[in-house]
Amino acid sequence: MTKEEARNYFFKKRLSLSETDVENVSFQIFTQWKNSDLIHFNSFHIFLSIKEKKEVNTLPFIEFFWERKKKVYTSKVEGDFLLHYELTAETSLRINSWGIPEPVDQEPVRLQEIDCVLVPLLACDLQGNRVGYGKGYYDRFLYEFPQAQKTGLSFFEPIAEIEDIGASDIPLDYVVTPDYFLGFSVFPMEEK
């Protein structure tokens, strides 16, 4: 399956979920993640869910981090890049023209390092290659932090292969689905 085929197929499949399904399955994903070894990290970068696109609800993750006094960061788009902001209970958010909640009335921070990035996606394959919305924002961001654990949150199981992965595509280390927490080091890419 190509990126475009996966993007179209999984976006339609996700939009067919009811709001109740999105909430229930999001909670299952959170529970899978909470039972993993990744909860010990001190700093997390997380996306803020786009409700209209029925993304995984990340609010349980955020509240979990705050309860445990973890540093939490999120982003907003500026040109071709993401600017980063500390996310606290006091952070004011506004929905942008793409339906993405974004911090307002605060200055961006320069991330020196980050332990774990929870990454949005539409699909991924068994090598950890992901398909997003196609703008490359997260690939450019993840390239800057190669040491960070990159964990995708997905309603759906990985597909066998995304055929048209390029040099600028940054693979995930893990994906969390409602039923599985998968590490991709167990699925090494074959030499071609």
N, C-alpha and C. Protein backbone atom coordinates (compact mmCIF):
# COMPACT_ATOMS: atom_id res chain seq x y z
N MET A 1 0.85 -1.18 0.00
CA MET A 1 0.00 0.00 0.00
C MET A 1 0.89 1.24 0.00
N THR A 2 0.59 2.21 -0.84
CA THR A 2 1.34 3.46 -0.85
C THR A 2 0.87 4.36 0.29
N LYS A 3 1.64 5.43 0.55
CA LYS A 3 1.22 6.39 1.58
C LYS A 3 -0.15 6.97 1.26
N GLU A 4 -0.37 7.36 0.02
CA GLU A 4 -1.64 7.98 -0.36
C GLU A 4 -2.80 7.01 -0.21
N GLU A 5 -2.58 5.75 -0.61
CA GLU A 5 -3.63 4.74 -0.44
C GLU A 5 -3.94 4.52 1.04
N ALA A 6 -2.90 4.41 1.85
CA ALA A 6 -3.09 4.22 3.30
C ALA A 6 -3.78 5.43 3.91
N ARG A 7 -3.34 6.62 3.51
CA ARG A 7 -3.93 7.86 4.05
C ARG A 7 -5.43 7.90 3.75
N ASN A 8 -5.80 7.65 2.52
CA ASN A 8 -7.21 7.70 2.14
C ASN A 8 -8.03 6.61 2.84
N TYR A 9 -7.51 5.39 2.84
CA TYR A 9 -8.25 4.27 3.42
C TYR A 9 -8.46 4.45 4.92
N PHE A 10 -7.39 4.76 5.65
CA PHE A 10 -7.50 4.83 7.10
C PHE A 10 -8.19 6.11 7.57
N PHE A 11 -8.09 7.18 6.80
CA PHE A 11 -8.83 8.40 7.18
C PHE A 11 -10.34 8.13 7.08
N LYS A 12 -10.78 7.51 5.99
CA LYS A 12 -12.20 7.17 5.85
C LYS A 12 -12.64 6.20 6.94
N LYS A 13 -11.80 5.22 7.23
CA LYS A 13 -12.13 4.23 8.25
C LYS A 13 -12.26 4.91 9.62
N ARG A 14 -11.36 5.83 9.90
CA ARG A 14 -11.42 6.53 11.19
C ARG A 14 -12.66 7.41 11.28
N LEU A 15 -13.00 8.11 10.19
CA LEU A 15 -14.18 8.97 10.20
C LEU A 15 -15.48 8.19 10.37
N SER A 16 -15.45 6.89 10.05
CA SER A 16 -16.65 6.07 10.20
C SER A 16 -16.91 5.68 11.65
N LEU A 17 -15.94 5.91 12.54
CA LEU A 17 -16.12 5.59 13.96
C LEU A 17 -17.10 6.58 14.60
N SER A 18 -17.92 6.08 15.49
CA SER A 18 -18.80 6.97 16.24
C SER A 18 -17.99 7.70 17.31
N GLU A 19 -18.54 8.77 17.85
CA GLU A 19 -17.85 9.49 18.94
C GLU A 19 -17.64 8.59 20.14
N THR A 20 -18.60 7.73 20.42
CA THR A 20 -18.47 6.79 21.53
C THR A 20 -17.33 5.81 21.26
N ASP A 21 -17.25 5.31 20.02
CA ASP A 21 -16.15 4.41 19.65
C ASP A 21 -14.80 5.09 19.83
N VAL A 22 -14.71 6.34 19.38
CA VAL A 22 -13.44 7.09 19.50
C VAL A 22 -13.04 7.19 20.97
N GLU A 23 -13.97 7.54 21.84
CA GLU A 23 -13.65 7.67 23.27
C GLU A 23 -13.27 6.33 23.88
N ASN A 24 -14.02 5.28 23.58
CA ASN A 24 -13.74 3.96 24.15
C ASN A 24 -12.40 3.42 23.68
N VAL A 25 -12.15 3.51 22.39
CA VAL A 25 -10.91 2.98 21.84
C VAL A 25 -9.72 3.84 22.27
N SER A 26 -9.91 5.14 22.36
CA SER A 26 -8.85 6.02 22.87
C SER A 26 -8.46 5.62 24.29
N PHE A 27 -9.45 5.30 25.12
CA PHE A 27 -9.15 4.88 26.49
C PHE A 27 -8.41 3.55 26.52
N GLN A 28 -8.76 2.63 25.60
CA GLN A 28 -8.03 1.36 25.51
C GLN A 28 -6.57 1.61 25.12
N ILE A 29 -6.34 2.54 24.21
CA ILE A 29 -4.97 2.89 23.80
C ILE A 29 -4.22 3.48 24.98
N PHE A 30 -4.85 4.38 25.71
CA PHE A 30 -4.22 4.96 26.90
C PHE A 30 -3.87 3.87 27.91
N THR A 31 -4.77 2.93 28.14
CA THR A 31 -4.52 1.84 29.09
C THR A 31 -3.35 0.98 28.64
N GLN A 32 -3.28 0.66 27.35
CA GLN A 32 -2.12 -0.11 26.82
C GLN A 32 -0.82 0.65 27.09
N TRP A 33 -0.84 1.95 26.81
CA TRP A 33 0.37 2.76 26.99
C TRP A 33 0.74 2.84 28.48
N LYS A 34 -0.26 3.05 29.34
CA LYS A 34 -0.01 3.21 30.77
C LYS A 34 0.62 1.95 31.37
N ASN A 35 0.38 0.80 30.77
CA ASN A 35 0.95 -0.46 31.25
C ASN A 35 2.30 -0.76 30.62
N SER A 36 2.86 0.17 29.89
CA SER A 36 4.15 -0.03 29.23
C SER A 36 5.29 0.51 30.09
N ASP A 37 6.50 0.33 29.60
CA ASP A 37 7.70 0.84 30.30
C ASP A 37 7.96 2.32 30.01
N LEU A 38 7.18 2.94 29.15
CA LEU A 38 7.47 4.32 28.75
C LEU A 38 6.96 5.36 29.74
N ILE A 39 6.26 4.93 30.78
CA ILE A 39 5.70 5.90 31.71
C ILE A 39 6.75 6.52 32.62
N HIS A 40 7.96 5.95 32.66
CA HIS A 40 9.00 6.47 33.56
C HIS A 40 9.69 7.72 33.04
N PHE A 41 9.46 8.10 31.79
CA PHE A 41 10.13 9.28 31.25
C PHE A 41 9.70 10.54 31.99
N ASN A 42 10.53 11.57 31.90
CA ASN A 42 10.25 12.83 32.60
C ASN A 42 9.66 13.91 31.71
N SER A 43 9.89 13.83 30.40
CA SER A 43 9.37 14.87 29.51
C SER A 43 8.70 14.23 28.30
N PHE A 44 7.54 14.78 27.95
CA PHE A 44 6.73 14.23 26.88
C PHE A 44 6.28 15.35 25.94
N HIS A 45 6.31 15.04 24.67
CA HIS A 45 5.72 15.92 23.66
C HIS A 45 4.48 15.20 23.15
N ILE A 46 3.36 15.89 23.12
CA ILE A 46 2.11 15.24 22.74
C ILE A 46 1.31 16.13 21.81
N PHE A 47 0.60 15.51 20.90
CA PHE A 47 -0.29 16.26 20.01
C PHE A 47 -1.62 16.49 20.71
N LEU A 48 -2.26 17.57 20.36
CA LEU A 48 -3.61 17.85 20.86
C LEU A 48 -4.59 17.40 19.78
N SER A 49 -5.52 16.56 20.16
CA SER A 49 -6.40 15.87 19.22
C SER A 49 -7.31 16.81 18.44
N ILE A 50 -7.47 16.50 17.17
CA ILE A 50 -8.43 17.20 16.31
C ILE A 50 -9.73 16.41 16.36
N LYS A 51 -10.70 16.94 17.06
CA LYS A 51 -11.96 16.21 17.28
C LYS A 51 -12.66 15.88 15.97
N GLU A 52 -12.71 16.83 15.03
CA GLU A 52 -13.41 16.62 13.76
C GLU A 52 -12.78 15.52 12.93
N LYS A 53 -11.48 15.28 13.12
CA LYS A 53 -10.79 14.22 12.37
C LYS A 53 -10.74 12.92 13.14
N LYS A 54 -11.43 12.91 14.30
CA LYS A 54 -11.55 11.72 15.13
C LYS A 54 -10.18 11.11 15.46
N GLU A 55 -9.26 11.98 15.87
CA GLU A 55 -7.96 11.49 16.33
C GLU A 55 -8.09 10.88 17.72
N VAL A 56 -7.09 10.08 18.07
CA VAL A 56 -7.04 9.51 19.42
C VAL A 56 -7.11 10.65 20.42
N ASN A 57 -7.99 10.50 21.41
CA ASN A 57 -8.13 11.52 22.46
C ASN A 57 -6.91 11.44 23.38
N THR A 58 -6.12 12.51 23.40
CA THR A 58 -4.89 12.51 24.19
C THR A 58 -5.07 13.12 25.58
N LEU A 59 -6.27 13.59 25.91
CA LEU A 59 -6.48 14.22 27.22
C LEU A 59 -6.13 13.28 28.40
N PRO A 60 -6.50 11.98 28.36
CA PRO A 60 -6.09 11.11 29.47
C PRO A 60 -4.57 11.03 29.66
N PHE A 61 -3.81 11.06 28.57
CA PHE A 61 -2.35 11.07 28.66
C PHE A 61 -1.88 12.34 29.37
N ILE A 62 -2.41 13.47 28.91
CA ILE A 62 -1.98 14.76 29.45
C ILE A 62 -2.28 14.84 30.94
N GLU A 63 -3.47 14.45 31.33
CA GLU A 63 -3.83 14.48 32.76
C GLU A 63 -2.95 13.53 33.57
N PHE A 64 -2.62 12.38 33.00
CA PHE A 64 -1.73 11.42 33.65
C PHE A 64 -0.34 12.05 33.87
N PHE A 65 0.18 12.74 32.87
CA PHE A 65 1.49 13.40 33.00
C PHE A 65 1.45 14.47 34.08
N TRP A 66 0.42 15.29 34.05
CA TRP A 66 0.32 16.37 35.04
C TRP A 66 0.23 15.82 36.45
N GLU A 67 -0.54 14.77 36.66
CA GLU A 67 -0.66 14.17 37.99
C GLU A 67 0.69 13.69 38.52
N ARG A 68 1.56 13.27 37.61
CA ARG A 68 2.87 12.74 38.00
C ARG A 68 3.99 13.77 37.86
N LYS A 69 3.61 15.04 37.69
CA LYS A 69 4.56 16.16 37.64
C LYS A 69 5.59 16.01 36.52
N LYS A 70 5.16 15.47 35.38
CA LYS A 70 6.02 15.37 34.20
C LYS A 70 5.97 16.67 33.42
N LYS A 71 7.03 16.96 32.68
CA LYS A 71 7.04 18.10 31.76
C LYS A 71 6.28 17.68 30.51
N VAL A 72 5.36 18.54 30.06
CA VAL A 72 4.54 18.24 28.89
C VAL A 72 4.67 19.40 27.91
N TYR A 73 4.88 19.04 26.64
CA TYR A 73 5.01 20.03 25.57
C TYR A 73 4.07 19.66 24.43
N THR A 74 3.67 20.69 23.71
CA THR A 74 2.88 20.48 22.50
C THR A 74 3.37 21.48 21.46
N SER A 75 2.74 21.50 20.31
CA SER A 75 3.23 22.34 19.20
C SER A 75 2.11 23.08 18.52
N LYS A 76 2.54 24.02 17.71
CA LYS A 76 1.64 24.59 16.71
C LYS A 76 2.45 24.88 15.46
N VAL A 77 1.75 24.88 14.34
CA VAL A 77 2.40 25.03 13.04
C VAL A 77 2.76 26.49 12.81
N GLU A 78 3.98 26.70 12.35
CA GLU A 78 4.45 28.03 11.93
C GLU A 78 5.22 27.81 10.63
N GLY A 79 4.60 28.18 9.50
CA GLY A 79 5.25 27.94 8.21
C GLY A 79 5.36 26.44 7.95
N ASP A 80 6.60 25.97 7.73
CA ASP A 80 6.84 24.55 7.47
C ASP A 80 7.27 23.78 8.72
N PHE A 81 7.25 24.44 9.87
CA PHE A 81 7.80 23.81 11.07
C PHE A 81 6.81 23.89 12.23
N LEU A 82 7.14 23.17 13.28
CA LEU A 82 6.37 23.21 14.52
C LEU A 82 7.10 24.07 15.54
N LEU A 83 6.38 24.98 16.19
CA LEU A 83 6.90 25.69 17.35
C LEU A 83 6.39 24.95 18.57
N HIS A 84 7.18 24.92 19.64
CA HIS A 84 6.87 24.11 20.80
C HIS A 84 6.55 24.97 22.01
N TYR A 85 5.61 24.47 22.82
CA TYR A 85 5.13 25.20 23.98
C TYR A 85 4.99 24.24 25.15
N GLU A 86 5.31 24.75 26.34
CA GLU A 86 5.02 23.95 27.52
C GLU A 86 3.51 23.92 27.72
N LEU A 87 2.98 22.76 28.04
CA LEU A 87 1.55 22.59 28.23
C LEU A 87 1.28 22.33 29.71
N THR A 88 0.57 23.26 30.32
CA THR A 88 0.20 23.12 31.73
C THR A 88 -1.32 23.23 31.84
N ALA A 89 -1.84 23.01 33.03
CA ALA A 89 -3.28 23.14 33.24
C ALA A 89 -3.75 24.57 33.01
N GLU A 90 -2.83 25.53 33.08
CA GLU A 90 -3.17 26.94 32.89
C GLU A 90 -3.04 27.40 31.44
N THR A 91 -2.54 26.55 30.55
CA THR A 91 -2.34 26.94 29.16
C THR A 91 -3.68 27.20 28.48
N SER A 92 -3.79 28.39 27.86
CA SER A 92 -4.99 28.72 27.08
C SER A 92 -4.85 28.13 25.69
N LEU A 93 -5.93 27.54 25.19
CA LEU A 93 -5.92 26.93 23.86
C LEU A 93 -6.98 27.56 22.99
N ARG A 94 -6.69 27.61 21.70
CA ARG A 94 -7.64 28.10 20.71
C ARG A 94 -7.59 27.14 19.52
N ILE A 95 -8.74 26.86 18.92
CA ILE A 95 -8.81 25.99 17.74
C ILE A 95 -8.40 26.80 16.52
N ASN A 96 -7.40 26.33 15.78
CA ASN A 96 -6.96 27.05 14.58
C ASN A 96 -7.84 26.71 13.37
N SER A 97 -7.50 27.23 12.21
CA SER A 97 -8.33 27.04 11.01
C SER A 97 -8.35 25.59 10.54
N TRP A 98 -7.39 24.76 10.97
CA TRP A 98 -7.38 23.34 10.61
C TRP A 98 -8.08 22.49 11.66
N GLY A 99 -8.63 23.12 12.70
CA GLY A 99 -9.30 22.38 13.76
C GLY A 99 -8.38 21.88 14.85
N ILE A 100 -7.13 22.35 14.86
CA ILE A 100 -6.14 21.89 15.83
C ILE A 100 -6.13 22.84 17.04
N PRO A 101 -6.28 22.31 18.25
CA PRO A 101 -6.12 23.17 19.43
C PRO A 101 -4.66 23.61 19.55
N GLU A 102 -4.45 24.89 19.77
CA GLU A 102 -3.09 25.44 19.87
C GLU A 102 -2.97 26.37 21.07
N PRO A 103 -1.78 26.38 21.70
CA PRO A 103 -1.56 27.33 22.80
C PRO A 103 -1.59 28.77 22.28
N VAL A 104 -2.14 29.64 23.11
CA VAL A 104 -2.15 31.07 22.79
C VAL A 104 -1.62 31.83 24.00
N ASP A 105 -1.20 33.06 23.75
CA ASP A 105 -0.76 33.97 24.82
C ASP A 105 0.44 33.44 25.60
N GLN A 106 1.33 32.72 24.93
CA GLN A 106 2.58 32.33 25.57
C GLN A 106 3.66 32.22 24.51
N GLU A 107 4.89 32.33 24.96
CA GLU A 107 6.04 32.28 24.06
C GLU A 107 6.45 30.83 23.81
N PRO A 108 6.89 30.53 22.58
CA PRO A 108 7.40 29.18 22.34
C PRO A 108 8.68 28.94 23.13
N VAL A 109 8.96 27.66 23.38
CA VAL A 109 10.19 27.28 24.07
C VAL A 109 11.09 26.57 23.09
N ARG A 110 12.38 26.63 23.36
CA ARG A 110 13.34 25.88 22.54
C ARG A 110 13.62 24.57 23.26
N LEU A 111 13.16 23.48 22.68
CA LEU A 111 13.38 22.18 23.28
C LEU A 111 14.84 21.79 23.13
N GLN A 112 15.49 21.51 24.24
CA GLN A 112 16.88 21.03 24.20
C GLN A 112 16.90 19.51 24.02
N GLU A 113 15.98 18.86 24.70
CA GLU A 113 15.82 17.42 24.55
C GLU A 113 14.40 17.06 24.98
N ILE A 114 14.00 15.89 24.59
CA ILE A 114 12.67 15.39 24.95
C ILE A 114 12.80 13.88 25.07
N ASP A 115 12.17 13.30 26.09
CA ASP A 115 12.31 11.86 26.31
C ASP A 115 11.42 11.03 25.40
N CYS A 116 10.17 11.47 25.22
CA CYS A 116 9.20 10.66 24.47
C CYS A 116 8.27 11.58 23.70
N VAL A 117 8.05 11.24 22.44
CA VAL A 117 7.11 11.99 21.60
C VAL A 117 5.96 11.05 21.26
N LEU A 118 4.74 11.45 21.61
CA LEU A 118 3.55 10.71 21.22
C LEU A 118 3.06 11.32 19.91
N VAL A 119 3.08 10.49 18.87
CA VAL A 119 2.97 10.96 17.49
C VAL A 119 1.59 10.62 16.91
N PRO A 120 0.94 11.60 16.26
CA PRO A 120 -0.32 11.29 15.57
C PRO A 120 -0.03 10.55 14.28
N LEU A 121 -0.98 9.75 13.83
CA LEU A 121 -0.81 9.05 12.56
C LEU A 121 -2.15 8.56 12.05
N LEU A 122 -2.18 8.25 10.78
CA LEU A 122 -3.33 7.60 10.18
C LEU A 122 -3.10 6.10 10.06
N ALA A 123 -1.84 5.73 9.78
CA ALA A 123 -1.49 4.31 9.63
C ALA A 123 0.00 4.16 9.84
N CYS A 124 0.41 2.92 10.12
CA CYS A 124 1.84 2.59 10.15
C CYS A 124 1.99 1.16 9.67
N ASP A 125 3.25 0.80 9.36
CA ASP A 125 3.51 -0.57 8.92
C ASP A 125 4.36 -1.31 9.96
N LEU A 126 4.67 -2.55 9.68
CA LEU A 126 5.39 -3.39 10.64
C LEU A 126 6.86 -3.03 10.80
N GLN A 127 7.34 -2.06 10.04
CA GLN A 127 8.69 -1.55 10.24
C GLN A 127 8.69 -0.23 11.02
N GLY A 128 7.50 0.24 11.39
CA GLY A 128 7.38 1.49 12.14
C GLY A 128 7.25 2.72 11.27
N ASN A 129 7.15 2.54 9.97
CA ASN A 129 6.94 3.69 9.08
C ASN A 129 5.51 4.17 9.24
N ARG A 130 5.34 5.49 9.34
CA ARG A 130 4.01 6.03 9.60
C ARG A 130 3.52 6.88 8.44
N VAL A 131 2.22 7.02 8.39
CA VAL A 131 1.56 7.91 7.43
C VAL A 131 0.75 8.90 8.25
N GLY A 132 1.03 10.18 8.04
CA GLY A 132 0.25 11.24 8.66
C GLY A 132 -0.59 11.90 7.59
N TYR A 133 -0.77 13.21 7.74
CA TYR A 133 -1.59 13.94 6.78
C TYR A 133 -0.81 14.39 5.55
N GLY A 134 0.50 14.15 5.54
CA GLY A 134 1.28 14.38 4.33
C GLY A 134 2.05 15.67 4.25
N LYS A 135 2.10 16.46 5.32
CA LYS A 135 2.82 17.73 5.28
C LYS A 135 4.25 17.63 5.82
N GLY A 136 4.59 16.54 6.52
CA GLY A 136 5.97 16.32 6.98
C GLY A 136 6.37 17.05 8.24
N TYR A 137 5.42 17.68 8.94
CA TYR A 137 5.77 18.44 10.14
C TYR A 137 6.45 17.56 11.19
N TYR A 138 5.87 16.41 11.45
CA TYR A 138 6.43 15.55 12.49
C TYR A 138 7.76 14.93 12.06
N ASP A 139 7.93 14.59 10.79
CA ASP A 139 9.22 14.05 10.35
C ASP A 139 10.33 15.08 10.57
N ARG A 140 10.06 16.34 10.24
CA ARG A 140 11.08 17.38 10.46
C ARG A 140 11.37 17.56 11.95
N PHE A 141 10.33 17.51 12.77
CA PHE A 141 10.50 17.63 14.21
C PHE A 141 11.28 16.44 14.77
N LEU A 142 10.89 15.23 14.42
CA LEU A 142 11.53 14.03 14.95
C LEU A 142 12.99 13.91 14.52
N TYR A 143 13.31 14.43 13.36
CA TYR A 143 14.69 14.42 12.88
C TYR A 143 15.61 15.16 13.85
N GLU A 144 15.09 16.20 14.49
CA GLU A 144 15.88 17.00 15.43
C GLU A 144 16.13 16.29 16.76
N PHE A 145 15.35 15.25 17.07
CA PHE A 145 15.43 14.57 18.36
C PHE A 145 15.54 13.06 18.17
N PRO A 146 16.65 12.61 17.58
CA PRO A 146 16.76 11.17 17.28
C PRO A 146 16.75 10.29 18.52
N GLN A 147 17.14 10.83 19.68
CA GLN A 147 17.20 10.02 20.91
C GLN A 147 15.83 9.84 21.55
N ALA A 148 14.85 10.64 21.19
CA ALA A 148 13.52 10.54 21.80
C ALA A 148 12.82 9.26 21.37
N GLN A 149 12.10 8.64 22.29
CA GLN A 149 11.27 7.49 21.93
C GLN A 149 10.07 8.02 21.16
N LYS A 150 9.86 7.48 19.97
CA LYS A 150 8.79 7.93 19.09
C LYS A 150 7.67 6.89 19.11
N THR A 151 6.55 7.26 19.72
CA THR A 151 5.46 6.32 19.92
C THR A 151 4.20 6.81 19.22
N GLY A 152 3.73 6.04 18.25
CA GLY A 152 2.50 6.38 17.54
C GLY A 152 1.28 5.87 18.28
N LEU A 153 0.20 6.60 18.20
CA LEU A 153 -1.08 6.20 18.79
C LEU A 153 -2.04 5.93 17.64
N SER A 154 -2.53 4.68 17.55
CA SER A 154 -3.31 4.30 16.38
C SER A 154 -4.54 3.48 16.76
N PHE A 155 -5.66 3.79 16.15
CA PHE A 155 -6.87 2.99 16.32
C PHE A 155 -6.73 1.62 15.65
N PHE A 156 -5.81 1.51 14.67
CA PHE A 156 -5.76 0.33 13.81
C PHE A 156 -4.40 -0.35 13.89
N GLU A 157 -4.40 -1.66 13.62
CA GLU A 157 -3.17 -2.45 13.63
C GLU A 157 -2.28 -2.03 12.45
N PRO A 158 -0.96 -2.23 12.57
CA PRO A 158 -0.07 -1.91 11.45
C PRO A 158 -0.38 -2.76 10.22
N ILE A 159 -0.15 -2.17 9.06
CA ILE A 159 -0.26 -2.92 7.81
C ILE A 159 1.10 -3.54 7.52
N ALA A 160 1.17 -4.43 6.55
CA ALA A 160 2.42 -5.15 6.26
C ALA A 160 3.52 -4.19 5.83
N GLU A 161 3.22 -3.31 4.86
CA GLU A 161 4.28 -2.44 4.35
C GLU A 161 3.70 -1.19 3.69
N ILE A 162 4.35 -0.07 3.97
CA ILE A 162 4.09 1.16 3.22
C ILE A 162 5.20 1.21 2.17
N GLU A 163 4.80 1.19 0.90
CA GLU A 163 5.74 0.95 -0.19
C GLU A 163 6.66 2.13 -0.53
N ASP A 164 6.21 3.34 -0.35
CA ASP A 164 6.95 4.48 -0.87
C ASP A 164 7.56 5.35 0.23
N ILE A 165 8.25 4.72 1.16
CA ILE A 165 8.92 5.44 2.24
C ILE A 165 10.17 6.12 1.68
N GLY A 166 10.38 7.38 2.05
CA GLY A 166 11.52 8.13 1.57
C GLY A 166 12.57 8.35 2.65
N ALA A 167 13.69 8.93 2.26
CA ALA A 167 14.80 9.16 3.19
C ALA A 167 14.43 10.12 4.31
N SER A 168 13.47 11.01 4.09
CA SER A 168 13.10 11.98 5.12
C SER A 168 12.02 11.47 6.07
N ASP A 169 11.52 10.26 5.84
CA ASP A 169 10.49 9.68 6.71
C ASP A 169 11.15 9.06 7.94
N ILE A 170 10.75 9.50 9.12
CA ILE A 170 11.32 9.03 10.37
C ILE A 170 10.42 7.94 10.95
N PRO A 171 10.94 6.71 11.13
CA PRO A 171 10.09 5.63 11.66
C PRO A 171 9.85 5.76 13.16
N LEU A 172 8.77 5.13 13.59
CA LEU A 172 8.42 5.06 15.01
C LEU A 172 9.27 4.00 15.70
N ASP A 173 9.40 4.13 17.01
CA ASP A 173 9.98 3.07 17.83
C ASP A 173 8.91 2.11 18.31
N TYR A 174 7.70 2.66 18.55
CA TYR A 174 6.58 1.88 19.07
C TYR A 174 5.29 2.40 18.46
N VAL A 175 4.28 1.54 18.50
CA VAL A 175 2.91 1.98 18.22
C VAL A 175 2.02 1.34 19.29
N VAL A 176 1.04 2.13 19.73
CA VAL A 176 0.06 1.63 20.70
C VAL A 176 -1.29 1.61 20.00
N THR A 177 -1.92 0.43 20.00
CA THR A 177 -3.25 0.25 19.45
C THR A 177 -4.17 -0.15 20.60
N PRO A 178 -5.46 -0.32 20.36
CA PRO A 178 -6.33 -0.76 21.45
C PRO A 178 -5.93 -2.11 22.05
N ASP A 179 -5.31 -2.97 21.24
CA ASP A 179 -5.00 -4.32 21.69
C ASP A 179 -3.52 -4.61 21.89
N TYR A 180 -2.64 -3.76 21.36
CA TYR A 180 -1.21 -4.08 21.37
C TYR A 180 -0.35 -2.87 21.67
N PHE A 181 0.80 -3.18 22.26
CA PHE A 181 1.90 -2.22 22.39
C PHE A 181 3.05 -2.87 21.64
N LEU A 182 3.37 -2.36 20.45
CA LEU A 182 4.36 -3.00 19.59
C LEU A 182 5.64 -2.19 19.51
N GLY A 183 6.77 -2.87 19.67
CA GLY A 183 8.08 -2.28 19.44
C GLY A 183 8.59 -2.73 18.10
N PHE A 184 9.12 -1.81 17.33
CA PHE A 184 9.50 -2.16 15.96
C PHE A 184 10.89 -2.73 15.80
N SER A 185 11.69 -2.75 16.85
CA SER A 185 13.00 -3.37 16.73
C SER A 185 12.86 -4.87 16.49
N VAL A 186 11.69 -5.44 16.81
CA VAL A 186 11.48 -6.86 16.57
C VAL A 186 11.08 -7.13 15.12
N PHE A 187 10.88 -6.08 14.35
CA PHE A 187 10.53 -6.24 12.93
C PHE A 187 11.58 -5.51 12.08
N PRO A 188 12.84 -6.00 12.05
CA PRO A 188 13.85 -5.29 11.29
C PRO A 188 13.54 -5.27 9.80
N MET A 189 13.90 -4.18 9.16
CA MET A 189 13.70 -4.09 7.72
C MET A 189 14.69 -5.00 7.01
N GLU A 190 14.23 -5.66 5.97
CA GLU A 190 15.10 -6.55 5.21
C GLU A 190 15.97 -5.72 4.29
N GLU A 191 17.19 -6.21 4.07
CA GLU A 191 18.09 -5.58 3.11
C GLU A 191 17.52 -5.77 1.72
N LYS A 192 17.59 -4.72 0.91
CA LYS A 192 17.09 -4.84 -0.47
C LYS A 192 18.25 -4.85 -1.44
